[in-house]
């Protein structure tokens, strides 16, 4: 799973995202969605390569996958630069 350091600002369930985690570090916000489980709580500090959840096949998904979004200064950017 992609990783970034920061603070968990939201953990929850949504009808479109299913189980999700939002991590923020300064102007960078990452969303990890379609998770089978979440392993963190709002306010947790996240370190690189820490497990925040497990990939799942939730909601209307047809196979196990991770929905991953990155925003910088409120604008969506190509997440490829944030995957190590």
PDB file of N, CA and C in Angstrom:
ATOM      1  N   UNK A   1       0.846  -1.174   0.000  1.00  0.00           N
ATOM      2  CA  UNK A   1       0.000   0.000   0.000  1.00  0.00           C
ATOM      3  C   UNK A   1       0.897   1.245   0.000  1.00  0.00           C
ATOM      4  N   UNK A   2       0.535   2.267  -0.744  1.00  0.00           N
ATOM      5  CA  UNK A   2       1.326   3.501  -0.723  1.00  0.00           C
ATOM      6  C   UNK A   2       1.429   4.059   0.696  1.00  0.00           C
ATOM      7  N   UNK A   3       2.484   4.808   0.954  1.00  0.00           N
ATOM      8  CA  UNK A   3       2.641   5.339   2.304  1.00  0.00           C
ATOM      9  C   UNK A   3       3.022   6.805   2.280  1.00  0.00           C
ATOM     10  N   UNK A   4       2.638   7.485   3.349  1.00  0.00           N
ATOM     11  CA  UNK A   4       3.007   8.872   3.564  1.00  0.00           C
ATOM     12  C   UNK A   4       2.969   9.093   5.071  1.00  0.00           C
ATOM     13  N   UNK A   5       3.814   9.959   5.574  1.00  0.00           N
ATOM     14  CA  UNK A   5       3.755  10.286   6.990  1.00  0.00           C
ATOM     15  C   UNK A   5       2.731  11.387   7.200  1.00  0.00           C
ATOM     16  N   UNK A   6       2.231  11.522   8.420  1.00  0.00           N
ATOM     17  CA  UNK A   6       1.281  12.582   8.705  1.00  0.00           C
ATOM     18  C   UNK A   6       0.339  12.204   9.817  1.00  0.00           C
ATOM     19  N   UNK A   7      -0.776  12.925   9.880  1.00  0.00           N
ATOM     20  CA  UNK A   7      -1.783  12.734  10.910  1.00  0.00           C
ATOM     21  C   UNK A   7      -3.085  12.250  10.280  1.00  0.00           C
ATOM     22  N   UNK A   8      -3.690  11.251  10.877  1.00  0.00           N
ATOM     23  CA  UNK A   8      -4.994  10.774  10.415  1.00  0.00           C
ATOM     24  C   UNK A   8      -6.026  11.836  10.785  1.00  0.00           C
ATOM     25  N   UNK A   9      -6.687  12.392   9.768  1.00  0.00           N
ATOM     26  CA  UNK A   9      -7.685  13.435  10.021  1.00  0.00           C
ATOM     27  C   UNK A   9      -9.109  12.937   9.872  1.00  0.00           C
ATOM     28  N   UNK A  10      -9.277  11.760   9.274  1.00  0.00           N
ATOM     29  CA  UNK A  10     -10.616  11.200   9.144  1.00  0.00           C
ATOM     30  C   UNK A  10     -10.517   9.700   8.913  1.00  0.00           C
ATOM     31  N   UNK A  11     -11.404   8.958   9.538  1.00  0.00           N
ATOM     32  CA  UNK A  11     -11.558   7.518   9.345  1.00  0.00           C
ATOM     33  C   UNK A  11     -13.046   7.259   9.352  1.00  0.00           C
ATOM     34  N   UNK A  12     -13.529   6.502   8.382  1.00  0.00           N
ATOM     35  CA  UNK A  12     -14.962   6.266   8.398  1.00  0.00           C
ATOM     36  C   UNK A  12     -15.437   5.352   7.302  1.00  0.00           C
ATOM     37  N   UNK A  13     -16.741   5.416   7.085  1.00  0.00           N
ATOM     38  CA  UNK A  13     -17.418   4.645   6.051  1.00  0.00           C
ATOM     39  C   UNK A  13     -18.297   5.601   5.271  1.00  0.00           C
ATOM     40  N   UNK A  14     -18.293   5.431   3.972  1.00  0.00           N
ATOM     41  CA  UNK A  14     -19.076   6.271   3.073  1.00  0.00           C
ATOM     42  C   UNK A  14     -19.662   5.350   2.008  1.00  0.00           C
ATOM     43  N   UNK A  15     -20.853   5.648   1.507  1.00  0.00           N
ATOM     44  CA  UNK A  15     -21.487   4.774   0.519  1.00  0.00           C
ATOM     45  C   UNK A  15     -20.702   4.664  -0.785  1.00  0.00           C
ATOM     46  N   UNK A  16     -19.874   5.643  -1.105  1.00  0.00           N
ATOM     47  CA  UNK A  16     -19.057   5.581  -2.318  1.00  0.00           C
ATOM     48  C   UNK A  16     -17.639   5.085  -2.035  1.00  0.00           C
ATOM     49  N   UNK A  17     -17.047   5.547  -0.930  1.00  0.00           N
ATOM     50  CA  UNK A  17     -15.658   5.194  -0.611  1.00  0.00           C
ATOM     51  C   UNK A  17     -15.554   3.940   0.234  1.00  0.00           C
ATOM     52  N   UNK A  18     -16.659   3.503   0.804  1.00  0.00           N
ATOM     53  CA  UNK A  18     -16.680   2.419   1.774  1.00  0.00           C
ATOM     54  C   UNK A  18     -15.759   2.778   2.931  1.00  0.00           C
ATOM     55  N   UNK A  19     -15.002   1.836   3.489  1.00  0.00           N
ATOM     56  CA  UNK A  19     -14.083   2.171   4.586  1.00  0.00           C
ATOM     57  C   UNK A  19     -12.945   3.010   4.026  1.00  0.00           C
ATOM     58  N   UNK A  20     -12.614   4.095   4.715  1.00  0.00           N
ATOM     59  CA  UNK A  20     -11.567   4.975   4.206  1.00  0.00           C
ATOM     60  C   UNK A  20     -10.768   5.605   5.339  1.00  0.00           C
ATOM     61  N   UNK A  21      -9.560   6.089   4.972  1.00  0.00           N
ATOM     62  CA  UNK A  21      -8.666   6.802   5.886  1.00  0.00           C
ATOM     63  C   UNK A  21      -8.136   8.021   5.137  1.00  0.00           C
ATOM     64  N   UNK A  22      -8.105   9.180   5.806  1.00  0.00           N
ATOM     65  CA  UNK A  22      -7.501  10.387   5.247  1.00  0.00           C
ATOM     66  C   UNK A  22      -6.305  10.743   6.118  1.00  0.00           C
ATOM     67  N   UNK A  23      -5.148  10.966   5.469  1.00  0.00           N
ATOM     68  CA  UNK A  23      -3.920  11.354   6.167  1.00  0.00           C
ATOM     69  C   UNK A  23      -3.477  12.700   5.614  1.00  0.00           C
ATOM     70  N   UNK A  24      -3.122  13.636   6.520  1.00  0.00           N
ATOM     71  CA  UNK A  24      -2.654  14.951   6.093  1.00  0.00           C
ATOM     72  C   UNK A  24      -1.267  15.223   6.645  1.00  0.00           C
ATOM     73  N   UNK A  25      -0.458  15.878   5.815  1.00  0.00           N
ATOM     74  CA  UNK A  25       0.879  16.321   6.210  1.00  0.00           C
ATOM     75  C   UNK A  25       1.099  17.659   5.522  1.00  0.00           C
ATOM     76  N   UNK A  26       0.908  18.738   6.271  1.00  0.00           N
ATOM     77  CA  UNK A  26       1.051  20.075   5.676  1.00  0.00           C
ATOM     78  C   UNK A  26       0.008  20.272   4.596  1.00  0.00           C
ATOM     79  N   UNK A  27       0.463  20.589   3.395  1.00  0.00           N
ATOM     80  CA  UNK A  27      -0.454  20.862   2.293  1.00  0.00           C
ATOM     81  C   UNK A  27      -0.859  19.607   1.523  1.00  0.00           C
ATOM     82  N   UNK A  28      -0.352  18.430   1.935  1.00  0.00           N
ATOM     83  CA  UNK A  28      -0.638  17.176   1.232  1.00  0.00           C
ATOM     84  C   UNK A  28      -1.682  16.369   1.997  1.00  0.00           C
ATOM     85  N   UNK A  29      -2.735  15.976   1.278  1.00  0.00           N
ATOM     86  CA  UNK A  29      -3.792  15.143   1.855  1.00  0.00           C
ATOM     87  C   UNK A  29      -3.922  13.897   0.996  1.00  0.00           C
ATOM     88  N   UNK A  30      -3.905  12.718   1.637  1.00  0.00           N
ATOM     89  CA  UNK A  30      -4.081  11.470   0.905  1.00  0.00           C
ATOM     90  C   UNK A  30      -5.322  10.751   1.403  1.00  0.00           C
ATOM     91  N   UNK A  31      -6.030  10.138   0.464  1.00  0.00           N
ATOM     92  CA  UNK A  31      -7.215   9.353   0.765  1.00  0.00           C
ATOM     93  C   UNK A  31      -6.936   7.916   0.365  1.00  0.00           C
ATOM     94  N   UNK A  32      -7.213   6.999   1.282  1.00  0.00           N
ATOM     95  CA  UNK A  32      -7.107   5.559   1.038  1.00  0.00           C
ATOM     96  C   UNK A  32      -8.521   5.013   1.229  1.00  0.00           C
ATOM     97  N   UNK A  33      -9.128   4.468   0.175  1.00  0.00           N
ATOM     98  CA  UNK A  33     -10.524   4.041   0.263  1.00  0.00           C
ATOM     99  C   UNK A  33     -10.703   2.635  -0.298  1.00  0.00           C
ATOM    100  N   UNK A  34     -11.904   2.108  -0.138  1.00  0.00           N
ATOM    101  CA  UNK A  34     -12.272   0.742  -0.505  1.00  0.00           C
ATOM    102  C   UNK A  34     -11.526  -0.268   0.372  1.00  0.00           C
ATOM    103  N   UNK A  35     -11.262   0.123   1.618  1.00  0.00           N
ATOM    104  CA  UNK A  35     -10.533  -0.743   2.538  1.00  0.00           C
ATOM    105  C   UNK A  35     -11.461  -1.791   3.153  1.00  0.00           C
ATOM    106  N   UNK A  36     -10.930  -2.993   3.368  1.00  0.00           N
ATOM    107  CA  UNK A  36     -11.694  -4.033   4.063  1.00  0.00           C
ATOM    108  C   UNK A  36     -11.759  -3.703   5.548  1.00  0.00           C
ATOM    109  N   UNK A  37     -10.622  -3.254   6.099  1.00  0.00           N
ATOM    110  CA  UNK A  37     -10.549  -2.864   7.510  1.00  0.00           C
ATOM    111  C   UNK A  37      -9.672  -1.633   7.638  1.00  0.00           C
ATOM    112  N   UNK A  38      -9.843  -0.908   8.737  1.00  0.00           N
ATOM    113  CA  UNK A  38      -8.956   0.216   9.053  1.00  0.00           C
ATOM    114  C   UNK A  38      -8.255  -0.094  10.372  1.00  0.00           C
ATOM    115  N   UNK A  39      -6.968   0.282  10.468  1.00  0.00           N
ATOM    116  CA  UNK A  39      -6.156  -0.019  11.643  1.00  0.00           C
ATOM    117  C   UNK A  39      -5.755   1.217  12.427  1.00  0.00           C
ATOM    118  N   UNK A  40      -6.332   2.375  12.108  1.00  0.00           N
ATOM    119  CA  UNK A  40      -5.945   3.629  12.757  1.00  0.00           C
ATOM    120  C   UNK A  40      -7.188   4.385  13.201  1.00  0.00           C
ATOM    121  N   UNK A  41      -6.961   5.393  14.041  1.00  0.00           N
ATOM    122  CA  UNK A  41      -8.036   6.258  14.513  1.00  0.00           C
ATOM    123  C   UNK A  41      -7.680   7.709  14.225  1.00  0.00           C
ATOM    124  N   UNK A  42      -8.688   8.545  14.148  1.00  0.00           N
ATOM    125  CA  UNK A  42      -8.483   9.974  13.935  1.00  0.00           C
ATOM    126  C   UNK A  42      -7.528  10.503  14.999  1.00  0.00           C
ATOM    127  N   UNK A  43      -6.524  11.273  14.559  1.00  0.00           N
ATOM    128  CA  UNK A  43      -5.534  11.842  15.462  1.00  0.00           C
ATOM    129  C   UNK A  43      -4.243  11.047  15.545  1.00  0.00           C
ATOM    130  N   UNK A  44      -4.239   9.792  15.055  1.00  0.00           N
ATOM    131  CA  UNK A  44      -3.007   8.992  15.062  1.00  0.00           C
ATOM    132  C   UNK A  44      -1.957   9.612  14.162  1.00  0.00           C
ATOM    133  N   UNK A  45      -0.706   9.573  14.606  1.00  0.00           N
ATOM    134  CA  UNK A  45       0.420   9.960  13.765  1.00  0.00           C
ATOM    135  C   UNK A  45       0.858   8.729  12.984  1.00  0.00           C
ATOM    136  N   UNK A  46       1.033   8.885  11.682  1.00  0.00           N
ATOM    137  CA  UNK A  46       1.371   7.778  10.807  1.00  0.00           C
ATOM    138  C   UNK A  46       2.837   7.889  10.388  1.00  0.00           C
ATOM    139  N   UNK A  47       3.531   6.764  10.455  1.00  0.00           N
ATOM    140  CA  UNK A  47       4.911   6.716   9.980  1.00  0.00           C
ATOM    141  C   UNK A  47       4.952   5.982   8.649  1.00  0.00           C
ATOM    142  N   UNK A  48       6.020   6.210   7.895  1.00  0.00           N
ATOM    143  CA  UNK A  48       6.149   5.577   6.593  1.00  0.00           C
ATOM    144  C   UNK A  48       6.102   4.060   6.735  1.00  0.00           C
ATOM    145  N   UNK A  49       5.368   3.441   5.855  1.00  0.00           N
ATOM    146  CA  UNK A  49       5.185   1.987   5.769  1.00  0.00           C
ATOM    147  C   UNK A  49       4.350   1.393   6.887  1.00  0.00           C
ATOM    148  N   UNK A  50       3.723   2.224   7.713  1.00  0.00           N
ATOM    149  CA  UNK A  50       2.823   1.737   8.750  1.00  0.00           C
ATOM    150  C   UNK A  50       1.531   1.249   8.099  1.00  0.00           C
ATOM    151  N   UNK A  51       0.994   0.161   8.581  1.00  0.00           N
ATOM    152  CA  UNK A  51      -0.277  -0.338   8.066  1.00  0.00           C
ATOM    153  C   UNK A  51      -1.411   0.530   8.595  1.00  0.00           C
ATOM    154  N   UNK A  52      -2.228   1.040   7.687  1.00  0.00           N
ATOM    155  CA  UNK A  52      -3.393   1.829   8.099  1.00  0.00           C
ATOM    156  C   UNK A  52      -4.691   1.071   7.857  1.00  0.00           C
ATOM    157  N   UNK A  53      -4.603  -0.045   7.144  1.00  0.00           N
ATOM    158  CA  UNK A  53      -5.783  -0.837   6.855  1.00  0.00           C
ATOM    159  C   UNK A  53      -5.435  -1.964   5.907  1.00  0.00           C
ATOM    160  N   UNK A  54      -6.467  -2.712   5.518  1.00  0.00           N
ATOM    161  CA  UNK A  54      -6.264  -3.807   4.570  1.00  0.00           C
ATOM    162  C   UNK A  54      -7.096  -3.557   3.316  1.00  0.00           C
ATOM    163  N   UNK A  55      -6.528  -3.922   2.195  1.00  0.00           N
ATOM    164  CA  UNK A  55      -7.196  -3.744   0.907  1.00  0.00           C
ATOM    165  C   UNK A  55      -8.373  -4.702   0.844  1.00  0.00           C
ATOM    166  N   UNK A  56      -9.463  -4.220   0.282  1.00  0.00           N
ATOM    167  CA  UNK A  56     -10.643  -5.060   0.234  1.00  0.00           C
ATOM    168  C   UNK A  56     -11.399  -4.991  -1.067  1.00  0.00           C
ATOM    169  N   UNK A  57     -12.463  -5.741  -1.080  1.00  0.00           N
ATOM    170  CA  UNK A  57     -13.415  -5.761  -2.200  1.00  0.00           C
ATOM    171  C   UNK A  57     -14.743  -5.366  -1.577  1.00  0.00           C
ATOM    172  N   UNK A  58     -14.911  -4.067  -1.367  1.00  0.00           N
ATOM    173  CA  UNK A  58     -16.083  -3.584  -0.650  1.00  0.00           C
ATOM    174  C   UNK A  58     -17.027  -2.844  -1.583  1.00  0.00           C
ATOM    175  N   UNK A  59     -18.250  -2.660  -1.144  1.00  0.00           N
ATOM    176  CA  UNK A  59     -19.232  -1.903  -1.921  1.00  0.00           C
ATOM    177  C   UNK A  59     -19.489  -2.516  -3.282  1.00  0.00           C
ATOM    178  N   UNK A  60     -19.404  -1.706  -4.322  1.00  0.00           N
ATOM    179  CA  UNK A  60     -19.684  -2.153  -5.681  1.00  0.00           C
ATOM    180  C   UNK A  60     -18.432  -2.635  -6.413  1.00  0.00           C
ATOM    181  N   UNK A  61     -17.316  -2.758  -5.695  1.00  0.00           N
ATOM    182  CA  UNK A  61     -16.066  -3.196  -6.311  1.00  0.00           C
ATOM    183  C   UNK A  61     -16.207  -4.616  -6.855  1.00  0.00           C
ATOM    184  N   UNK A  62     -15.570  -4.862  -7.984  1.00  0.00           N
ATOM    185  CA  UNK A  62     -15.622  -6.197  -8.583  1.00  0.00           C
ATOM    186  C   UNK A  62     -14.375  -7.010  -8.259  1.00  0.00           C
ATOM    187  N   UNK A  63     -13.414  -6.392  -7.591  1.00  0.00           N
ATOM    188  CA  UNK A  63     -12.200  -7.097  -7.179  1.00  0.00           C
ATOM    189  C   UNK A  63     -11.477  -6.285  -6.130  1.00  0.00           C
ATOM    190  N   UNK A  64     -10.597  -6.942  -5.389  1.00  0.00           N
ATOM    191  CA  UNK A  64      -9.838  -6.253  -4.342  1.00  0.00           C
ATOM    192  C   UNK A  64      -8.944  -5.178  -4.964  1.00  0.00           C
ATOM    193  N   UNK A  65      -8.970  -3.993  -4.379  1.00  0.00           N
ATOM    194  CA  UNK A  65      -8.147  -2.894  -4.879  1.00  0.00           C
ATOM    195  C   UNK A  65      -8.101  -1.777  -3.838  1.00  0.00           C
ATOM    196  N   UNK A  66      -7.239  -0.821  -4.074  1.00  0.00           N
ATOM    197  CA  UNK A  66      -7.132   0.362  -3.227  1.00  0.00           C
ATOM    198  C   UNK A  66      -7.471   1.587  -4.062  1.00  0.00           C
ATOM    199  N   UNK A  67      -8.366   2.407  -3.581  1.00  0.00           N
ATOM    200  CA  UNK A  67      -8.638   3.703  -4.208  1.00  0.00           C
ATOM    201  C   UNK A  67      -7.755   4.703  -3.475  1.00  0.00           C
ATOM    202  N   UNK A  68      -6.873   5.381  -4.214  1.00  0.00           N
ATOM    203  CA  UNK A  68      -5.847   6.252  -3.634  1.00  0.00           C
ATOM    204  C   UNK A  68      -5.893   7.602  -4.318  1.00  0.00           C
ATOM    205  N   UNK A  69      -6.058   8.670  -3.542  1.00  0.00           N
ATOM    206  CA  UNK A  69      -6.086  10.033  -4.084  1.00  0.00           C
ATOM    207  C   UNK A  69      -5.091  10.897  -3.329  1.00  0.00           C
ATOM    208  N   UNK A  70      -4.501  11.856  -4.041  1.00  0.00           N
ATOM    209  CA  UNK A  70      -3.589  12.815  -3.418  1.00  0.00           C
ATOM    210  C   UNK A  70      -4.033  14.217  -3.818  1.00  0.00           C
ATOM    211  N   UNK A  71      -4.110  15.098  -2.816  1.00  0.00           N
ATOM    212  CA  UNK A  71      -4.397  16.512  -3.059  1.00  0.00           C
ATOM    213  C   UNK A  71      -3.251  17.334  -2.475  1.00  0.00           C
ATOM    214  N   UNK A  72      -2.811  18.338  -3.209  1.00  0.00           N
ATOM    215  CA  UNK A  72      -1.800  19.272  -2.723  1.00  0.00           C
ATOM    216  C   UNK A  72      -2.409  20.663  -2.819  1.00  0.00           C
ATOM    217  N   UNK A  73      -2.420  21.373  -1.707  1.00  0.00           N
ATOM    218  CA  UNK A  73      -3.036  22.704  -1.648  1.00  0.00           C
ATOM    219  C   UNK A  73      -4.456  22.687  -2.196  1.00  0.00           C
ATOM    220  N   UNK A  74      -5.209  21.619  -1.904  1.00  0.00           N
ATOM    221  CA  UNK A  74      -6.606  21.535  -2.311  1.00  0.00           C
ATOM    222  C   UNK A  74      -6.852  21.128  -3.743  1.00  0.00           C
ATOM    223  N   UNK A  75      -5.795  20.811  -4.489  1.00  0.00           N
ATOM    224  CA  UNK A  75      -5.925  20.412  -5.891  1.00  0.00           C
ATOM    225  C   UNK A  75      -5.485  18.958  -6.054  1.00  0.00           C
ATOM    226  N   UNK A  76      -6.273  18.167  -6.795  1.00  0.00           N
ATOM    227  CA  UNK A  76      -5.886  16.794  -7.071  1.00  0.00           C
ATOM    228  C   UNK A  76      -4.638  16.768  -7.943  1.00  0.00           C
ATOM    229  N   UNK A  77      -3.710  15.866  -7.616  1.00  0.00           N
ATOM    230  CA  UNK A  77      -2.486  15.694  -8.396  1.00  0.00           C
ATOM    231  C   UNK A  77      -2.322  14.219  -8.729  1.00  0.00           C
ATOM    232  N   UNK A  78      -1.437  13.931  -9.678  1.00  0.00           N
ATOM    233  CA  UNK A  78      -1.128  12.559 -10.057  1.00  0.00           C
ATOM    234  C   UNK A  78      -0.465  11.871  -8.857  1.00  0.00           C
ATOM    235  N   UNK A  79      -1.058  10.814  -8.335  1.00  0.00           N
ATOM    236  CA  UNK A  79      -0.508  10.173  -7.140  1.00  0.00           C
ATOM    237  C   UNK A  79       0.772   9.374  -7.389  1.00  0.00           C
ATOM    238  N   UNK A  80       1.146   9.163  -8.637  1.00  0.00           N
ATOM    239  CA  UNK A  80       2.330   8.348  -8.944  1.00  0.00           C
ATOM    240  C   UNK A  80       3.586   8.893  -8.255  1.00  0.00           C
ATOM    241  N   UNK A  81       3.695  10.202  -8.123  1.00  0.00           N
ATOM    242  CA  UNK A  81       4.874  10.808  -7.495  1.00  0.00           C
ATOM    243  C   UNK A  81       4.949  10.502  -6.002  1.00  0.00           C
ATOM    244  N   UNK A  82       3.869  10.034  -5.415  1.00  0.00           N
ATOM    245  CA  UNK A  82       3.817   9.779  -3.973  1.00  0.00           C
ATOM    246  C   UNK A  82       3.910   8.305  -3.625  1.00  0.00           C
ATOM    247  N   UNK A  83       4.067   7.460  -4.623  1.00  0.00           N
ATOM    248  CA  UNK A  83       4.181   6.018  -4.404  1.00  0.00           C
ATOM    249  C   UNK A  83       5.639   5.630  -4.503  1.00  0.00           C
ATOM    250  N   UNK A  84       6.127   4.998  -3.448  1.00  0.00           N
ATOM    251  CA  UNK A  84       7.534   4.554  -3.428  1.00  0.00           C
ATOM    252  C   UNK A  84       7.626   3.097  -3.768  1.00  0.00           C
TER     253      UNK A  84
END
